[in-house]
Protein backbone atom coordinates (compact mmCIF):
# COMPACT_ATOMS: atom_id res chain seq x y z
CA UNK A 1 54.74 -29.03 0.68
CA UNK A 2 56.54 -31.52 2.93
CA UNK A 3 56.00 -34.90 1.32
CA UNK A 4 54.76 -36.37 -1.92
CA UNK A 5 53.06 -39.74 -1.69
CA UNK A 6 53.90 -42.32 -4.32
CA UNK A 7 51.44 -44.82 -5.72
CA UNK A 8 51.76 -48.48 -6.36
CA UNK A 9 49.41 -49.80 -9.03
CA UNK A 10 48.04 -53.33 -9.23
CA UNK A 11 46.19 -55.00 -12.10
CA UNK A 12 44.14 -57.99 -11.01
CA UNK A 13 42.58 -60.46 -13.45
CA UNK A 14 39.90 -62.78 -12.07
CA UNK A 15 38.64 -65.81 -13.97
CA UNK A 16 35.56 -67.64 -12.76
CA UNK A 17 32.95 -69.63 -14.64
CA UNK A 18 30.28 -68.06 -16.77
CA UNK A 19 26.85 -69.43 -17.52
CA UNK A 20 23.23 -68.52 -17.94
CA UNK A 21 21.85 -66.56 -15.00
CA UNK A 22 18.83 -68.85 -14.83
CA UNK A 23 20.57 -72.15 -15.33
CA UNK A 24 23.52 -72.00 -12.93
CA UNK A 25 22.31 -72.59 -9.36
CA UNK A 26 23.75 -70.43 -6.61
CA UNK A 27 25.80 -73.15 -4.84
CA UNK A 28 27.50 -73.99 -8.13
CA UNK A 29 28.62 -70.49 -9.04
CA UNK A 30 32.15 -69.13 -9.36
CA UNK A 31 31.23 -65.51 -10.00
CA UNK A 32 34.19 -63.31 -10.90
CA UNK A 33 32.25 -60.11 -10.17
CA UNK A 34 31.38 -61.16 -6.62
CA UNK A 35 34.98 -62.12 -5.94
CA UNK A 36 36.03 -58.72 -7.29
CA UNK A 37 33.46 -56.95 -5.15
CA UNK A 38 34.83 -58.59 -2.03
CA UNK A 39 38.36 -57.68 -3.06
CA UNK A 40 37.35 -54.04 -3.64
CA UNK A 41 36.04 -53.93 -0.08
CA UNK A 42 39.25 -55.58 1.12
CA UNK A 43 41.21 -52.80 -0.62
CA UNK A 44 39.35 -50.25 1.49
CA UNK A 45 40.01 -52.22 4.68
CA UNK A 46 43.69 -52.64 3.81
CA UNK A 47 44.10 -48.87 3.69
CA UNK A 48 42.14 -48.32 6.89
CA UNK A 49 44.09 -51.05 8.65
CA UNK A 50 47.61 -49.64 8.37
CA UNK A 51 47.18 -47.17 11.20
CA UNK A 52 48.56 -44.41 8.98
CA UNK A 53 46.23 -41.51 8.15
CA UNK A 54 48.14 -41.05 4.91
CA UNK A 55 47.38 -44.50 3.47
CA UNK A 56 44.80 -44.38 0.70
CA UNK A 57 43.69 -47.15 -1.64
CA UNK A 58 41.30 -47.02 -4.58
CA UNK A 59 39.82 -49.59 -6.92
CA UNK A 60 39.58 -47.22 -9.88
CA UNK A 61 38.87 -49.78 -12.59
CA UNK A 62 36.41 -52.67 -12.33
CA UNK A 63 35.18 -54.27 -15.55
CA UNK A 64 33.45 -57.58 -16.14
CA UNK A 65 32.85 -59.99 -19.00
CA UNK A 66 30.60 -60.81 -20.71
CA UNK A 67 28.61 -57.92 -19.26
CA UNK A 68 25.10 -59.22 -19.95
CA UNK A 69 22.18 -59.09 -17.52
CA UNK A 70 21.42 -62.78 -17.95
CA UNK A 71 25.01 -64.06 -17.76
CA UNK A 72 27.06 -64.97 -14.70
CA UNK A 73 30.25 -62.86 -14.88
CA UNK A 74 33.09 -65.09 -16.00
CA UNK A 75 35.91 -62.55 -15.80
CA UNK A 76 36.68 -59.37 -13.91
CA UNK A 77 39.50 -56.88 -14.22
CA UNK A 78 40.41 -54.61 -11.31
CA UNK A 79 43.05 -51.90 -11.23
CA UNK A 80 44.01 -50.72 -7.77
CA UNK A 81 45.96 -47.66 -6.60
CA UNK A 82 47.63 -47.66 -3.15
CA UNK A 83 49.52 -44.63 -1.77
CA UNK A 84 51.26 -43.33 1.32
CA UNK A 85 54.03 -40.86 2.10
CA UNK A 86 55.94 -43.75 3.70
CA UNK A 87 56.82 -47.08 2.13
CA UNK A 88 56.16 -49.29 5.15
CA UNK A 89 52.41 -48.67 5.57
CA UNK A 90 51.87 -48.61 1.81
CA UNK A 91 53.59 -51.95 1.38
CA UNK A 92 51.64 -53.42 4.31
CA UNK A 93 48.42 -52.41 2.56
CA UNK A 94 49.64 -54.03 -0.66
CA UNK A 95 50.46 -57.25 1.19
CA UNK A 96 47.03 -57.24 2.85
CA UNK A 97 45.32 -56.82 -0.53
CA UNK A 98 47.23 -59.73 -2.03
CA UNK A 99 46.48 -61.96 0.95
CA UNK A 100 42.79 -61.06 0.86
CA UNK A 101 42.70 -61.75 -2.88
CA UNK A 102 44.13 -65.24 -2.39
CA UNK A 103 41.69 -66.02 0.43
CA UNK A 104 38.61 -64.70 -1.37
CA UNK A 105 39.41 -66.41 -4.67
CA UNK A 106 40.14 -69.74 -3.03
CA UNK A 107 36.81 -69.64 -1.18
CA UNK A 108 34.89 -68.72 -4.32
CA UNK A 109 36.73 -71.05 -6.67
CA UNK A 110 37.99 -68.19 -8.84
CA UNK A 111 41.42 -68.08 -10.45
CA UNK A 112 43.45 -64.91 -10.12
CA UNK A 113 46.56 -63.28 -11.51
CA UNK A 114 48.04 -60.07 -10.19
CA UNK A 115 50.49 -57.70 -11.88
CA UNK A 116 52.34 -54.80 -10.27
CA UNK A 117 52.09 -51.85 -12.64
CA UNK A 118 54.38 -49.55 -10.67
CA UNK A 119 55.79 -49.14 -7.17
CA UNK A 120 57.50 -45.78 -6.90
CA UNK A 121 59.08 -44.54 -3.68
CA UNK A 122 57.59 -41.45 -2.02
CA UNK A 123 59.58 -38.23 -1.80
CA UNK A 124 60.42 -35.82 0.98
CA UNK A 125 60.65 -32.16 0.09
CA UNK A 126 63.83 -30.27 0.85
CA UNK A 127 63.56 -28.71 4.34
CA UNK A 128 65.46 -25.56 3.33
CA UNK A 129 63.17 -24.96 0.36
CA UNK A 130 60.09 -25.52 2.51
CA UNK A 131 61.42 -23.02 5.05
CA UNK A 132 62.16 -20.49 2.30
CA UNK A 133 58.59 -20.67 1.01
CA UNK A 134 57.30 -20.22 4.57
CA UNK A 135 59.52 -17.19 5.07
CA UNK A 136 58.19 -15.62 1.86
CA UNK A 137 54.61 -16.19 3.01
CA UNK A 138 55.36 -14.58 6.36
CA UNK A 139 57.13 -11.68 4.65
CA UNK A 140 54.11 -11.09 2.38
CA UNK A 141 51.63 -11.76 5.20
CA UNK A 142 50.09 -14.72 3.40
CA UNK A 143 48.46 -17.50 5.40
CA UNK A 144 49.99 -20.91 4.76
CA UNK A 145 50.16 -24.46 6.06
CA UNK A 146 52.45 -27.41 5.48
CA UNK A 147 50.81 -30.16 3.46
CA UNK A 148 51.22 -33.63 2.02
CA UNK A 149 50.47 -34.26 -1.64
CA UNK A 150 48.86 -37.59 -2.41
CA UNK A 151 48.57 -36.84 -6.11
CA UNK A 152 51.19 -37.88 -8.63
CA UNK A 153 53.51 -35.06 -9.72
CA UNK A 154 56.61 -34.69 -11.86
CA UNK A 155 58.20 -33.41 -8.67
CA UNK A 156 58.18 -36.99 -7.33
CA UNK A 157 60.75 -37.90 -9.96
CA UNK A 158 62.66 -34.61 -9.89
CA UNK A 159 63.29 -35.25 -6.19
CA UNK A 160 65.62 -38.06 -7.24
CA UNK A 161 68.04 -35.61 -8.83
CA UNK A 162 67.58 -32.26 -7.07
CA UNK A 163 66.00 -30.55 -4.03
CA UNK A 164 62.26 -29.94 -4.48
CA UNK A 165 59.18 -28.50 -2.87
CA UNK A 166 55.77 -27.45 -4.18
CA UNK A 167 53.47 -24.48 -3.69
CA UNK A 168 49.75 -25.16 -3.67
CA UNK A 169 46.85 -22.70 -3.75
CA UNK A 170 43.31 -23.23 -2.48
CA UNK A 171 40.68 -24.76 -4.73
CA UNK A 172 36.98 -24.34 -4.06
CA UNK A 173 35.87 -26.94 -1.49
CA UNK A 174 39.26 -28.61 -1.86
CA UNK A 175 38.18 -30.24 -5.13
CA UNK A 176 40.79 -31.09 -7.76
CA UNK A 177 41.07 -33.46 -10.73
CA UNK A 178 37.38 -32.96 -11.48
CA UNK A 179 35.51 -30.88 -14.09
CA UNK A 180 34.21 -28.56 -11.36
CA UNK A 181 37.68 -27.75 -10.02
CA UNK A 182 37.97 -23.98 -9.51
CA UNK A 183 40.68 -21.66 -8.21
CA UNK A 184 39.87 -18.00 -7.69
CA UNK A 185 41.96 -15.52 -9.72
CA UNK A 186 43.08 -13.86 -6.48
CA UNK A 187 44.42 -17.16 -5.15
CA UNK A 188 46.19 -17.84 -8.44
CA UNK A 189 47.78 -14.38 -8.23
CA UNK A 190 48.92 -15.06 -4.67
CA UNK A 191 50.47 -18.37 -5.67
CA UNK A 192 52.35 -16.74 -8.52
CA UNK A 193 53.63 -14.02 -6.18
CA UNK A 194 54.91 -16.59 -3.67
CA UNK A 195 56.63 -18.53 -6.44
CA UNK A 196 58.22 -15.37 -7.89
CA UNK A 197 59.51 -14.18 -4.52
CA UNK A 198 60.81 -17.65 -3.72
CA UNK A 199 62.72 -17.85 -7.01
CA UNK A 200 64.13 -14.40 -6.40
CA UNK A 201 65.31 -15.40 -2.93
CA UNK A 202 66.93 -18.55 -4.25
CA UNK A 203 68.71 -16.58 -6.98
CA UNK A 204 70.40 -14.29 -4.47
């Protein structure tokens, strides 16, 4: 593992005007859901627009009030996750999201408030540790590749106080953080062997 991406989390509260779905005419609406929908699309474009293949952005929470079929949504809550292995493209995406939010809400007559939940720096793995893991793989004739982790790990914070790296094993179809995540016992065994040999080498 070479780098660990760090997320920045945003909580966005949108306040429009509710009303009966039949009584409020379309030109008079200030629909919080529609403003949120545009912002969610802007989140995607902000990530795609940095020029970095490692920038990812996700609107993982989107709730509305009052949540009735015959009521114009008066409020919307969005929680947004933005990550990259480098601060500059991540922060550019964050700035683009905030600018898009202001523009969209002004056009739709929706009030907005944004809160930064966290903004952790990414971490670089220790080059010597990475090389040691590679040497162990070569010694044991195990195929390997250098990777970037975009998931949150305790290692992100440990990197602030000591050298770190991580060893990953294959999961079926690359799926993780889902109920159908699966790692074959043989791959688990291989990962344990690499870790054990690495620790032994470091202890010498």
